[in-house]
Amino acid sequence: MFVTVASFLDPLEARIVHGRLVAEGIEAYLADEHQAINDWYMRQALGGVKLRVRHDQADEARMLIAQLSEGALALDAEDSGGPMPAQPDSWSQRAAFLGLFALGLPLPWRRRPPKTA
């Protein structure tokens, strides 16, 4: 039997927490996820995306969710390695940009119908 241990208005946040629980070996699934994505204006009326786990793993899941919300599993600033440096554009990316905007590409070109007499 599955029980609801948390509810999220943001489906992405629910998916992240679900992934963490599954990585910890907790059997879980998301209820109403697709409904909340498709009918985003009804999320609150639906009660959000519900994270459900097996009854015998509910206490462990609640403890892990509490740790996640407290930030206990976050990386330290020195562990993250800092921001990624910006990568310069390659020549092929620049040529594609030029072809798309300056020359009016991409292909195929529009063909004109043959003239009738």
C-alpha atoms as a PDB file:
ATOM      1  CA  MET A   1       0.000   0.000   0.000  1.00  0.00           C
ATOM      2  CA  PHE A   2       1.299   3.457  -0.917  1.00  0.00           C
ATOM      3  CA  VAL A   3       0.875   6.626   1.166  1.00  0.00           C
ATOM      4  CA  THR A   4       1.401  10.281   0.280  1.00  0.00           C
ATOM      5  CA  VAL A   5       4.424  11.757   2.050  1.00  0.00           C
ATOM      6  CA  ALA A   6       4.638  15.131   0.265  1.00  0.00           C
ATOM      7  CA  SER A   7       2.829  17.320  -2.224  1.00  0.00           C
ATOM      8  CA  PHE A   8       4.410  19.846  -4.607  1.00  0.00           C
ATOM      9  CA  LEU A   9       2.889  22.558  -6.781  1.00  0.00           C
ATOM     10  CA  ASP A  10       5.934  22.455  -9.062  1.00  0.00           C
ATOM     11  CA  PRO A  11       6.195  19.155 -11.015  1.00  0.00           C
ATOM     12  CA  LEU A  12       9.926  19.683 -11.548  1.00  0.00           C
ATOM     13  CA  GLU A  13      10.568  19.930  -7.827  1.00  0.00           C
ATOM     14  CA  ALA A  14       8.502  16.790  -7.290  1.00  0.00           C
ATOM     15  CA  ARG A  15      10.528  14.952  -9.944  1.00  0.00           C
ATOM     16  CA  ILE A  16      13.821  15.978  -8.284  1.00  0.00           C
ATOM     17  CA  VAL A  17      12.710  14.772  -4.839  1.00  0.00           C
ATOM     18  CA  HIS A  18      11.318  11.575  -6.391  1.00  0.00           C
ATOM     19  CA  GLY A  19      14.675  10.910  -8.053  1.00  0.00           C
ATOM     20  CA  ARG A  20      16.500  11.380  -4.770  1.00  0.00           C
ATOM     21  CA  LEU A  21      14.176   8.954  -2.974  1.00  0.00           C
ATOM     22  CA  VAL A  22      14.603   6.344  -5.699  1.00  0.00           C
ATOM     23  CA  ALA A  23      18.394   6.811  -5.526  1.00  0.00           C
ATOM     24  CA  GLU A  24      18.193   6.050  -1.805  1.00  0.00           C
ATOM     25  CA  GLY A  25      16.349   2.785  -2.528  1.00  0.00           C
ATOM     26  CA  ILE A  26      12.854   3.949  -1.611  1.00  0.00           C
ATOM     27  CA  GLU A  27      10.100   2.722  -3.896  1.00  0.00           C
ATOM     28  CA  ALA A  28       8.125   5.813  -4.909  1.00  0.00           C
ATOM     29  CA  TYR A  29       5.954   7.240  -7.662  1.00  0.00           C
ATOM     30  CA  LEU A  30       4.352  10.580  -8.516  1.00  0.00           C
ATOM     31  CA  ALA A  31       0.571  10.863  -8.632  1.00  0.00           C
ATOM     32  CA  ASP A  32      -1.169  13.524 -10.752  1.00  0.00           C
ATOM     33  CA  GLU A  33       2.130  14.626 -12.333  1.00  0.00           C
ATOM     34  CA  HIS A  34       0.857  14.635 -15.911  1.00  0.00           C
ATOM     35  CA  GLN A  35      -2.416  16.259 -14.901  1.00  0.00           C
ATOM     36  CA  ALA A  36      -0.507  19.068 -13.166  1.00  0.00           C
ATOM     37  CA  ILE A  37       1.674  19.596 -16.244  1.00  0.00           C
ATOM     38  CA  ASN A  38      -1.188  19.605 -18.737  1.00  0.00           C
ATOM     39  CA  ASP A  39      -3.651  21.591 -16.637  1.00  0.00           C
ATOM     40  CA  TRP A  40      -1.182  23.915 -14.916  1.00  0.00           C
ATOM     41  CA  TYR A  41      -3.938  26.298 -13.859  1.00  0.00           C
ATOM     42  CA  MET A  42      -5.571  23.477 -11.857  1.00  0.00           C
ATOM     43  CA  ARG A  43      -2.481  22.472  -9.856  1.00  0.00           C
ATOM     44  CA  GLN A  44      -3.634  23.932  -6.587  1.00  0.00           C
ATOM     45  CA  ALA A  45      -7.154  22.541  -6.946  1.00  0.00           C
ATOM     46  CA  LEU A  46      -5.681  19.074  -7.586  1.00  0.00           C
ATOM     47  CA  GLY A  47      -3.543  19.321  -4.488  1.00  0.00           C
ATOM     48  CA  GLY A  48      -0.346  19.446  -6.523  1.00  0.00           C
ATOM     49  CA  VAL A  49       1.830  16.530  -7.510  1.00  0.00           C
ATOM     50  CA  LYS A  50       1.703  13.909  -4.786  1.00  0.00           C
ATOM     51  CA  LEU A  51       4.801  11.915  -3.895  1.00  0.00           C
ATOM     52  CA  ARG A  52       3.765   8.447  -2.769  1.00  0.00           C
ATOM     53  CA  VAL A  53       5.909   5.757  -1.180  1.00  0.00           C
ATOM     54  CA  ARG A  54       5.346   2.299   0.243  1.00  0.00           C
ATOM     55  CA  HIS A  55       3.780   2.322   3.692  1.00  0.00           C
ATOM     56  CA  ASP A  56       6.777   0.645   5.362  1.00  0.00           C
ATOM     57  CA  GLN A  57       9.212   3.208   3.886  1.00  0.00           C
ATOM     58  CA  ALA A  58       7.164   6.333   4.706  1.00  0.00           C
ATOM     59  CA  ASP A  59       9.113   7.365   7.824  1.00  0.00           C
ATOM     60  CA  GLU A  60      12.454   7.040   6.041  1.00  0.00           C
ATOM     61  CA  ALA A  61      11.110   9.059   3.093  1.00  0.00           C
ATOM     62  CA  ARG A  62       9.811  11.822   5.372  1.00  0.00           C
ATOM     63  CA  MET A  63      13.211  12.075   7.091  1.00  0.00           C
ATOM     64  CA  LEU A  64      14.989  12.338   3.742  1.00  0.00           C
ATOM     65  CA  ILE A  65      12.543  15.000   2.480  1.00  0.00           C
ATOM     66  CA  ALA A  66      13.109  16.989   5.694  1.00  0.00           C
ATOM     67  CA  GLN A  67      16.884  16.793   5.136  1.00  0.00           C
ATOM     68  CA  LEU A  68      16.431  17.983   1.549  1.00  0.00           C
ATOM     69  CA  SER A  69      14.307  20.956   2.607  1.00  0.00           C
ATOM     70  CA  GLU A  70      16.860  21.931   5.289  1.00  0.00           C
ATOM     71  CA  GLY A  71      19.666  21.852   2.725  1.00  0.00           C
ATOM     72  CA  ALA A  72      21.630  19.140   4.512  1.00  0.00           C
ATOM     73  CA  LEU A  73      22.500  17.429   1.218  1.00  0.00           C
ATOM     74  CA  ALA A  74      23.576  20.592  -0.646  1.00  0.00           C
ATOM     75  CA  LEU A  75      27.115  20.977  -1.943  1.00  0.00           C
ATOM     76  CA  ASP A  76      29.453  23.377  -0.174  1.00  0.00           C
ATOM     77  CA  ALA A  77      30.694  26.370  -2.142  1.00  0.00           C
ATOM     78  CA  GLU A  78      34.244  24.973  -2.345  1.00  0.00           C
ATOM     79  CA  ASP A  79      32.968  21.564  -3.526  1.00  0.00           C
ATOM     80  CA  SER A  80      31.018  22.934  -6.479  1.00  0.00           C
ATOM     81  CA  GLY A  81      34.120  24.138  -8.349  1.00  0.00           C
ATOM     82  CA  GLY A  82      32.618  27.547  -9.112  1.00  0.00           C
ATOM     83  CA  PRO A  83      30.817  28.658 -12.233  1.00  0.00           C
ATOM     84  CA  MET A  84      31.619  27.078 -15.570  1.00  0.00           C
ATOM     85  CA  PRO A  85      33.676  29.319 -17.861  1.00  0.00           C
ATOM     86  CA  ALA A  86      31.930  30.506 -21.003  1.00  0.00           C
ATOM     87  CA  GLN A  87      32.748  28.482 -24.106  1.00  0.00           C
ATOM     88  CA  PRO A  88      33.435  30.446 -27.305  1.00  0.00           C
ATOM     89  CA  ASP A  89      31.344  29.751 -30.373  1.00  0.00           C
ATOM     90  CA  SER A  90      32.864  27.384 -32.899  1.00  0.00           C
ATOM     91  CA  TRP A  91      33.303  28.368 -36.543  1.00  0.00           C
ATOM     92  CA  SER A  92      30.544  25.986 -37.580  1.00  0.00           C
ATOM     93  CA  GLN A  93      28.126  27.636 -35.161  1.00  0.00           C
ATOM     94  CA  ARG A  94      28.997  31.057 -36.544  1.00  0.00           C
ATOM     95  CA  ALA A  95      28.596  29.838 -40.139  1.00  0.00           C
ATOM     96  CA  ALA A  96      25.205  28.344 -39.314  1.00  0.00           C
ATOM     97  CA  PHE A  97      24.118  31.622 -37.740  1.00  0.00           C
ATOM     98  CA  LEU A  98      25.272  33.537 -40.814  1.00  0.00           C
ATOM     99  CA  GLY A  99      23.475  31.130 -43.147  1.00  0.00           C
ATOM    100  CA  LEU A 100      20.257  31.279 -41.183  1.00  0.00           C
ATOM    101  CA  PHE A 101      19.934  35.023 -40.699  1.00  0.00           C
ATOM    102  CA  ALA A 102      22.032  36.709 -43.390  1.00  0.00           C
ATOM    103  CA  LEU A 103      21.340  34.431 -46.340  1.00  0.00           C
ATOM    104  CA  GLY A 104      17.756  33.497 -45.524  1.00  0.00           C
ATOM    105  CA  LEU A 105      18.421  29.785 -45.130  1.00  0.00           C
ATOM    106  CA  PRO A 106      17.542  26.947 -43.998  1.00  0.00           C
ATOM    107  CA  LEU A 107      16.658  24.806 -46.947  1.00  0.00           C
ATOM    108  CA  PRO A 108      14.503  23.728 -48.729  1.00  0.00           C
ATOM    109  CA  TRP A 109      13.742  26.816 -50.722  1.00  0.00           C
ATOM    110  CA  ARG A 110      10.236  27.600 -51.803  1.00  0.00           C
ATOM    111  CA  ARG A 111       9.591  26.805 -55.410  1.00  0.00           C
ATOM    112  CA  ARG A 112       7.383  28.990 -57.530  1.00  0.00           C
ATOM    113  CA  PRO A 113       4.566  27.289 -59.425  1.00  0.00           C
ATOM    114  CA  PRO A 114       5.047  27.144 -63.204  1.00  0.00           C
ATOM    115  CA  LYS A 115       3.452  29.959 -65.159  1.00  0.00           C
ATOM    116  CA  THR A 116       0.377  29.055 -67.162  1.00  0.00           C
ATOM    117  CA  ALA A 117      -0.381  30.552 -70.523  1.00  0.00           C
END
